[in-house]
Amino acid sequence: MRLLHTSDWHLGRAFHRVNMLGAQAEFIGHLVTVAREREVDAVVVSGDVYDRAVPPLAAVELFDDALHRLADLGVPTVMISGNHDSARRLGVGAGLIGRAGIHLRTDPSAAGTPVVLKDAAGDVAFYGLPYLEPALVKDEFGVEKAGHESVLAAAMDRVRADLATRAEGTRAVVLAHAFVTGGEASDSERDITVGGVAAVPSGVFDGVDYVALGHLHGCQTITARVRYSGSPLPYSFSEADHRKSMWLIDLAGDGSVTAERVDCPVPRALARIRGHLEDLLADPDLARHEDAWIEATLTDAVRPADPMARLMERFPHTLNLAFDPERSPDDPDVTYARRLAGRDDQEIAEDFVLHVRGAGADEHERGVLRDAFDAVRTDETVREVAR
């Protein structure tokens, strides 16, 4: 069976101030063309279809167009909700839409209920695990402590229990939206950290033939059977070096996997440039970036006059301007930035406690801080779901 694995469309999202709807529509057309020309048997979409819980009307219309085009093509599609989606909204009408071959899986309680497709070698069971916010689903899965690993492990227990009841030789594909250990993040993914740990080990998915992951925006291979497709378009300059693509997966009758990357259309190249303003304006090696979307970091000791206007004379698609003036190593701003670099909210808060009272937080206080951060993140998620 041939699968086309994609995720993280983020319909309705802009890239800085650039409306990406046209590029997103071009990608949908490309996906349909690939599905037709490469004779794909199923399309899997691993979450973050939309960029926010209440997407703009134009994004909803594009999604509707995508569903119609896939249904008209006659290629079954299995799709889950991600942490950016409203699972309730995305799942409206799932039963009716399923009759057209578009299978929306947004309900955590249905984790062990697959979509079963057939090929010449037999059945392939597709299990959709929508984004599982630990605090909201721990009761559903009967776990004592809310954590990404515990709820995903419980969901996978249901998958394996169902798979054990099926005919021998049934192959299994899991769609999941999560941060799996070994994956490389970018700046455009929303933080899903709970309990101080966002990542889950790839071993939690043992027992199935292929795991189609969503959430991280870079296409990457965790293991031969566990892969991220990445987002089809860039949504931050941290993705400047990404090759945007989808996975074309051939799942053989014995469960072996062959994977091929299929490139996505590139609306415009991304480039990050850095240096003194005058050097950036004069450097001939930067000519190749003159038509790219640009993030420029100026290192001038004194901020130049009208830097954006001057940059746009040479780089008309400059979208982001940052300042990082060259300073001596003992400059207070430099040392403070270095202390914060790579530290998460919990670590920064514990450092603050140490700075204020001269003694670090004890185990109980670290737990209080951790619970406070988790409560804020959970509250944000609940508000998104309720909107």
Protein backbone atom coordinates (compact mmCIF):
# COMPACT_ATOMS: atom_id res chain seq x y z
CA MET A 1 0.00 0.00 0.00
CA ARG A 2 1.33 3.42 -0.95
CA LEU A 3 0.79 6.25 1.55
CA LEU A 4 1.34 9.99 1.25
CA HIS A 5 2.25 11.36 4.68
CA THR A 6 1.86 15.09 5.36
CA SER A 7 1.08 17.29 8.37
CA ASP A 8 1.12 20.79 9.84
CA TRP A 9 -0.65 22.65 7.06
CA HIS A 10 -1.49 25.52 9.44
CA LEU A 11 -4.14 26.88 7.08
CA GLY A 12 -4.73 30.55 7.80
CA ARG A 13 -1.25 31.27 9.13
CA ALA A 14 0.85 34.14 7.82
CA PHE A 15 4.62 34.28 7.50
CA HIS A 16 5.45 37.47 9.38
CA ARG A 17 3.30 39.96 7.43
CA VAL A 18 2.94 37.83 4.27
CA ASN A 19 -0.43 36.17 3.64
CA MET A 20 0.34 32.51 2.90
CA LEU A 21 -3.12 31.46 1.71
CA GLY A 22 -2.08 31.45 -1.96
CA ALA A 23 0.97 29.31 -1.20
CA GLN A 24 -1.19 26.99 0.92
CA ALA A 25 -3.65 26.61 -1.98
CA GLU A 26 -0.73 25.81 -4.30
CA PHE A 27 0.41 23.12 -1.87
CA ILE A 28 -3.07 21.54 -1.77
CA GLY A 29 -3.06 21.40 -5.56
CA HIS A 30 0.40 19.82 -5.47
CA LEU A 31 -0.73 17.21 -2.92
CA VAL A 32 -3.68 16.19 -5.08
CA THR A 33 -1.46 15.99 -8.17
CA VAL A 34 1.09 13.80 -6.37
CA ALA A 35 -1.66 11.55 -5.03
CA ARG A 36 -3.00 11.08 -8.56
CA GLU A 37 0.25 10.79 -10.50
CA ARG A 38 2.05 8.55 -7.99
CA GLU A 39 -1.04 6.31 -7.60
CA VAL A 40 -1.31 6.82 -3.86
CA ASP A 41 -3.63 4.45 -1.98
CA ALA A 42 -4.15 6.67 1.08
CA VAL A 43 -3.27 10.16 2.31
CA VAL A 44 -2.49 10.67 6.02
CA VAL A 45 -2.52 14.14 7.60
CA SER A 46 -1.01 14.18 11.08
CA GLY A 47 -2.56 17.24 12.69
CA ASP A 48 -2.44 21.04 12.76
CA VAL A 49 -4.68 21.33 9.74
CA TYR A 50 -5.51 24.86 10.88
CA ASP A 51 -3.30 27.36 12.64
CA ARG A 52 -5.77 28.22 15.38
CA ALA A 53 -8.92 26.94 17.01
CA VAL A 54 -11.15 29.43 15.20
CA PRO A 55 -9.63 29.74 11.73
CA PRO A 56 -10.46 32.55 9.30
CA LEU A 57 -13.19 31.86 6.74
CA ALA A 58 -10.73 31.77 3.85
CA ALA A 59 -8.80 28.95 5.58
CA VAL A 60 -12.02 26.98 6.15
CA GLU A 61 -12.92 27.39 2.47
CA LEU A 62 -9.49 26.10 1.44
CA PHE A 63 -9.87 23.09 3.72
CA ASP A 64 -13.30 22.41 2.25
CA ASP A 65 -11.79 22.57 -1.24
CA ALA A 66 -9.05 20.14 -0.21
CA LEU A 67 -11.61 17.64 1.13
CA HIS A 68 -13.67 17.81 -2.06
CA ARG A 69 -10.64 17.35 -4.30
CA LEU A 70 -9.36 14.36 -2.34
CA ALA A 71 -12.83 12.80 -2.27
CA ASP A 72 -13.25 13.35 -6.02
CA LEU A 73 -9.89 11.65 -6.55
CA GLY A 74 -11.17 8.58 -4.72
CA VAL A 75 -8.11 8.37 -2.47
CA PRO A 76 -9.01 7.61 1.16
CA THR A 77 -7.69 10.20 3.60
CA VAL A 78 -7.10 9.78 7.33
CA MET A 79 -6.64 12.99 9.30
CA ILE A 80 -6.14 13.84 12.98
CA SER A 81 -6.36 17.08 14.95
CA GLY A 82 -3.21 18.75 16.30
CA ASN A 83 -2.53 21.09 19.19
CA HIS A 84 -3.39 24.13 17.05
CA ASP A 85 -6.75 22.71 15.96
CA SER A 86 -10.03 22.72 17.80
CA ALA A 87 -10.71 18.99 17.86
CA ARG A 88 -14.45 19.55 18.34
CA ARG A 89 -14.72 21.92 15.40
CA LEU A 90 -12.49 19.89 13.06
CA GLY A 91 -14.45 16.75 13.89
CA VAL A 92 -17.92 18.16 13.13
CA GLY A 93 -19.63 15.96 10.56
CA ALA A 94 -16.89 13.31 10.71
CA GLY A 95 -19.41 10.49 10.29
CA LEU A 96 -20.91 11.96 7.15
CA ILE A 97 -17.55 13.01 5.71
CA GLY A 98 -16.27 9.49 6.33
CA ARG A 99 -18.76 8.18 3.79
CA ALA A 100 -16.83 10.13 1.16
CA GLY A 101 -13.57 8.46 2.20
CA ILE A 102 -12.29 11.34 4.38
CA HIS A 103 -11.78 9.96 7.88
CA LEU A 104 -11.40 12.60 10.62
CA ARG A 105 -10.04 11.30 13.90
CA THR A 106 -10.33 13.97 16.61
CA ASP A 107 -11.79 12.05 19.59
CA PRO A 108 -9.19 10.57 21.99
CA SER A 109 -11.65 7.90 23.12
CA ALA A 110 -11.56 6.39 19.61
CA ALA A 111 -7.78 5.84 19.64
CA GLY A 112 -8.25 2.07 19.44
CA THR A 113 -10.82 2.19 16.63
CA PRO A 114 -9.04 2.11 13.26
CA VAL A 115 -9.93 2.96 9.71
CA VAL A 116 -9.34 -0.33 7.87
CA LEU A 117 -8.27 -0.23 4.23
CA LYS A 118 -7.36 -3.17 2.01
CA ASP A 119 -4.78 -3.92 -0.64
CA ALA A 120 -3.72 -7.11 -2.42
CA ALA A 121 -1.80 -8.26 0.69
CA GLY A 122 -4.69 -7.81 3.12
CA ASP A 123 -5.85 -5.28 5.71
CA VAL A 124 -4.09 -2.12 6.85
CA ALA A 125 -5.47 -0.60 10.06
CA PHE A 126 -4.98 3.17 10.45
CA TYR A 127 -5.16 4.37 14.07
CA GLY A 128 -5.59 8.12 14.55
CA LEU A 129 -4.24 9.54 17.82
CA PRO A 130 -5.20 13.22 17.89
CA TYR A 131 -3.10 15.59 19.96
CA LEU A 132 -3.49 14.39 23.55
CA GLU A 133 -3.29 17.25 26.05
CA PRO A 134 -2.34 15.31 29.20
CA ALA A 135 -4.39 17.30 31.71
CA LEU A 136 -7.52 16.96 29.58
CA VAL A 137 -7.31 13.26 28.67
CA LYS A 138 -5.68 11.60 31.71
CA ASP A 139 -9.07 10.47 33.06
CA GLU A 140 -10.08 9.05 29.68
CA PHE A 141 -6.94 6.91 29.64
CA GLY A 142 -6.90 6.16 33.36
CA VAL A 143 -3.43 7.50 34.10
CA GLU A 144 -2.60 8.87 37.53
CA LYS A 145 -0.16 11.59 36.48
CA ALA A 146 -0.75 13.87 33.52
CA GLY A 147 2.19 13.57 31.16
CA HIS A 148 2.73 13.19 27.42
CA GLU A 149 4.44 9.82 27.70
CA SER A 150 1.83 8.32 30.01
CA VAL A 151 -1.21 9.30 27.91
CA LEU A 152 0.43 8.31 24.63
CA ALA A 153 1.48 4.98 26.12
CA ALA A 154 -2.09 4.37 27.28
CA ALA A 155 -3.44 5.26 23.83
CA MET A 156 -0.94 2.90 22.21
CA ASP A 157 -2.03 0.15 24.60
CA ARG A 158 -5.50 0.48 23.10
CA VAL A 159 -4.02 0.35 19.60
CA ARG A 160 -2.09 -2.84 20.34
CA ALA A 161 -5.09 -4.42 22.09
CA ASP A 162 -7.29 -3.84 19.04
CA LEU A 163 -4.59 -4.98 16.64
CA ALA A 164 -4.28 -8.25 18.57
CA THR A 165 -7.93 -9.04 17.75
CA ARG A 166 -7.44 -8.67 14.00
CA ALA A 167 -6.50 -11.22 11.39
CA GLU A 168 -2.90 -12.37 11.37
CA GLY A 169 -0.82 -10.27 9.01
CA THR A 170 -2.86 -7.11 9.49
CA ARG A 171 -0.50 -4.16 9.13
CA ALA A 172 -0.86 -1.07 11.31
CA VAL A 173 -0.24 2.63 10.70
CA VAL A 174 -0.48 5.15 13.54
CA LEU A 175 -1.00 8.90 13.09
CA ALA A 176 0.16 10.95 16.09
CA HIS A 177 0.80 14.59 16.90
CA ALA A 178 3.57 14.76 19.48
CA PHE A 179 7.16 15.71 20.25
CA VAL A 180 9.16 12.48 19.99
CA THR A 181 12.65 12.23 21.45
CA GLY A 182 15.29 12.81 18.79
CA GLY A 183 13.19 15.25 16.80
CA GLU A 184 14.59 18.69 16.02
CA ALA A 185 12.27 21.60 16.82
CA SER A 186 12.02 25.03 15.18
CA ASP A 187 10.75 28.40 16.40
CA SER A 188 7.28 28.03 14.87
CA GLU A 189 5.90 25.14 16.95
CA ARG A 190 3.76 25.98 19.95
CA ASP A 191 5.19 24.80 23.27
CA ILE A 192 3.43 21.65 24.51
CA THR A 193 5.61 21.11 27.59
CA VAL A 194 3.73 19.71 30.59
CA GLY A 195 5.35 18.44 33.77
CA GLY A 196 8.68 19.73 32.52
CA VAL A 197 8.81 17.07 29.76
CA ALA A 198 7.36 17.42 26.27
CA ALA A 199 9.25 14.66 24.46
CA VAL A 200 8.22 11.01 24.45
CA PRO A 201 10.47 8.08 23.45
CA SER A 202 9.91 6.53 20.04
CA GLY A 203 9.60 3.15 21.76
CA VAL A 204 6.11 4.10 22.91
CA PHE A 205 5.00 3.28 19.35
CA ASP A 206 6.48 -0.23 19.26
CA GLY A 207 4.32 -2.90 17.66
CA VAL A 208 3.10 -1.08 14.54
CA ASP A 209 4.51 -0.88 11.02
CA TYR A 210 4.60 2.88 10.41
CA VAL A 211 4.11 5.98 12.57
CA ALA A 212 3.17 9.17 10.70
CA LEU A 213 4.08 12.03 13.03
CA GLY A 214 3.05 15.66 13.08
CA HIS A 215 3.99 18.69 15.22
CA LEU A 216 7.65 19.34 14.37
CA HIS A 217 8.04 21.41 11.20
CA GLY A 218 11.19 19.81 9.84
CA CYS A 219 10.94 16.63 7.75
CA GLN A 220 12.95 14.05 9.70
CA THR A 221 13.43 10.38 10.39
CA ILE A 222 13.35 9.24 14.03
CA THR A 223 13.59 5.57 13.02
CA ALA A 224 12.91 3.83 9.72
CA ARG A 225 9.30 3.36 10.87
CA VAL A 226 8.79 6.62 12.78
CA ARG A 227 8.94 9.83 10.74
CA TYR A 228 7.89 13.48 10.70
CA SER A 229 6.74 14.87 7.38
CA GLY A 230 7.22 18.45 8.60
CA SER A 231 5.17 21.42 7.47
CA PRO A 232 4.79 21.91 3.71
CA LEU A 233 5.63 25.62 4.04
CA PRO A 234 7.99 27.61 6.26
CA TYR A 235 6.47 29.46 9.21
CA SER A 236 9.61 30.87 10.84
CA PHE A 237 13.10 31.88 9.76
CA SER A 238 14.45 29.01 11.87
CA GLU A 239 13.23 26.86 8.97
CA ALA A 240 15.48 28.59 6.43
CA ASP A 241 17.51 25.41 5.91
CA HIS A 242 14.51 23.07 5.75
CA ARG A 243 13.71 21.12 2.62
CA LYS A 244 9.91 21.13 2.66
CA SER A 245 8.48 17.81 1.56
CA MET A 246 6.08 14.93 2.15
CA TRP A 247 6.85 11.25 2.68
CA LEU A 248 5.78 8.76 0.04
CA ILE A 249 5.65 5.48 1.96
CA ASP A 250 5.40 2.04 0.36
CA LEU A 251 4.16 -0.44 2.96
CA ALA A 252 4.84 -3.96 1.73
CA GLY A 253 2.75 -7.02 2.52
CA ASP A 254 5.28 -8.12 5.13
CA GLY A 255 5.17 -4.71 6.84
CA SER A 256 8.52 -3.46 5.54
CA VAL A 257 8.74 0.25 4.75
CA THR A 258 10.28 2.08 1.80
CA ALA A 259 10.29 5.88 2.05
CA GLU A 260 10.80 8.61 -0.55
CA ARG A 261 10.73 12.37 -0.02
CA VAL A 262 8.53 14.36 -2.38
CA ASP A 263 9.36 18.05 -2.47
CA CYS A 264 6.71 20.72 -1.94
CA PRO A 265 6.43 23.96 -3.96
CA VAL A 266 8.64 26.77 -2.65
CA PRO A 267 6.86 30.16 -2.72
CA ARG A 268 10.08 32.05 -2.02
CA ALA A 269 13.48 31.16 -0.57
CA LEU A 270 14.35 32.15 3.01
CA ALA A 271 17.65 33.67 4.07
CA ARG A 272 19.16 34.90 7.31
CA ILE A 273 21.86 37.52 6.90
CA ARG A 274 23.99 39.09 9.59
CA GLY A 275 26.56 41.85 9.83
CA HIS A 276 27.10 45.61 9.70
CA LEU A 277 24.51 47.37 7.58
CA GLU A 278 27.01 48.81 5.11
CA ASP A 279 28.59 45.39 4.63
CA LEU A 280 25.22 43.77 3.95
CA LEU A 281 24.39 46.41 1.37
CA ALA A 282 27.71 45.98 -0.43
CA ASP A 283 28.59 42.29 -0.13
CA PRO A 284 28.45 40.73 -3.64
CA ASP A 285 28.06 37.23 -2.15
CA LEU A 286 24.59 38.22 -0.93
CA ALA A 287 23.29 38.84 -4.44
CA ARG A 288 21.77 35.34 -4.43
CA HIS A 289 19.43 36.41 -1.61
CA GLU A 290 18.08 39.57 -3.22
CA ASP A 291 14.76 37.90 -4.14
CA ALA A 292 14.43 35.91 -0.88
CA TRP A 293 12.44 36.58 2.25
CA ILE A 294 15.05 38.05 4.54
CA GLU A 295 15.71 38.12 8.26
CA ALA A 296 18.53 40.60 8.84
CA THR A 297 20.49 40.91 12.08
CA LEU A 298 22.55 44.09 12.32
CA THR A 299 25.67 44.01 14.45
CA ASP A 300 26.54 47.72 14.25
CA ALA A 301 27.64 49.09 17.62
CA VAL A 302 25.40 52.13 17.03
CA ARG A 303 21.99 51.61 15.43
CA PRO A 304 22.06 53.00 11.88
CA ALA A 305 19.50 55.46 10.58
CA ASP A 306 16.55 54.04 8.58
CA PRO A 307 17.96 50.49 8.49
CA MET A 308 14.82 48.77 7.19
CA ALA A 309 14.31 51.23 4.35
CA ARG A 310 17.94 50.94 3.32
CA LEU A 311 17.89 47.16 3.47
CA MET A 312 14.76 46.99 1.34
CA GLU A 313 16.44 48.93 -1.42
CA ARG A 314 18.62 45.88 -2.01
CA PHE A 315 16.48 43.16 -0.39
CA PRO A 316 12.87 44.19 -1.14
CA HIS A 317 11.42 41.17 0.68
CA THR A 318 13.02 41.85 4.05
CA LEU A 319 10.48 40.80 6.67
CA ASN A 320 12.31 40.83 9.97
CA LEU A 321 15.00 43.11 11.36
CA ALA A 322 16.91 42.39 14.56
CA PHE A 323 19.77 44.13 16.33
CA ASP A 324 22.65 42.35 18.02
CA PRO A 325 25.33 45.03 18.47
CA GLU A 326 28.88 43.87 18.95
CA ARG A 327 29.79 44.24 22.63
CA SER A 328 32.70 43.38 24.86
CA PRO A 329 32.42 39.99 26.60
CA ASP A 330 32.00 41.61 30.03
CA ASP A 331 29.06 43.79 28.95
CA PRO A 332 26.13 43.15 31.38
CA ASP A 333 23.66 42.65 28.52
CA VAL A 334 25.87 39.97 26.97
CA THR A 335 26.36 38.02 30.19
CA TYR A 336 22.62 38.14 31.02
CA ALA A 337 21.69 36.88 27.55
CA ARG A 338 24.21 34.07 27.89
CA ARG A 339 22.75 33.05 31.23
CA LEU A 340 19.27 32.79 29.68
CA ALA A 341 20.31 31.07 26.46
CA GLY A 342 18.84 27.57 26.18
CA ARG A 343 17.06 27.71 29.55
CA ASP A 344 13.37 26.93 29.90
CA ASP A 345 10.79 28.76 32.04
CA GLN A 346 11.28 26.42 35.01
CA GLU A 347 15.04 26.93 35.08
CA ILE A 348 14.74 30.71 34.77
CA ALA A 349 12.23 30.82 37.64
CA GLU A 350 14.49 28.71 39.85
CA ASP A 351 17.41 31.01 39.04
CA PHE A 352 15.25 33.97 40.08
CA VAL A 353 14.52 32.34 43.45
CA LEU A 354 18.24 31.81 43.98
CA HIS A 355 19.03 35.41 43.01
CA VAL A 356 16.37 36.95 45.30
CA ARG A 357 16.96 35.03 48.52
CA GLY A 358 20.42 33.56 48.06
CA ALA A 359 19.26 29.95 48.33
CA GLY A 360 17.87 27.76 45.57
CA ALA A 361 14.38 26.26 45.45
CA ASP A 362 13.95 22.96 47.31
CA GLU A 363 12.12 19.96 45.85
CA HIS A 364 8.72 21.10 47.14
CA GLU A 365 9.19 24.61 45.73
CA ARG A 366 10.33 23.24 42.38
CA GLY A 367 7.13 21.21 42.30
CA VAL A 368 5.05 24.30 43.05
CA LEU A 369 6.73 26.20 40.22
CA ARG A 370 6.29 23.26 37.84
CA ASP A 371 2.58 22.96 38.71
CA ALA A 372 2.14 26.72 38.18
CA PHE A 373 3.66 26.59 34.69
CA ASP A 374 1.60 23.50 33.82
CA ALA A 375 -1.58 25.22 35.05
CA VAL A 376 -0.91 28.22 32.81
CA ARG A 377 -0.28 26.01 29.77
CA THR A 378 -3.34 23.89 30.50
CA ASP A 379 -5.49 26.99 30.97
CA GLU A 380 -4.33 28.31 27.61
CA THR A 381 -5.23 24.99 25.99
CA VAL A 382 -8.68 24.90 27.63
CA ARG A 383 -9.39 28.44 26.39
CA GLU A 384 -8.36 27.41 22.87
CA VAL A 385 -10.67 24.36 23.00
CA ALA A 386 -13.56 26.45 24.34
CA ARG A 387 -13.28 29.16 21.71
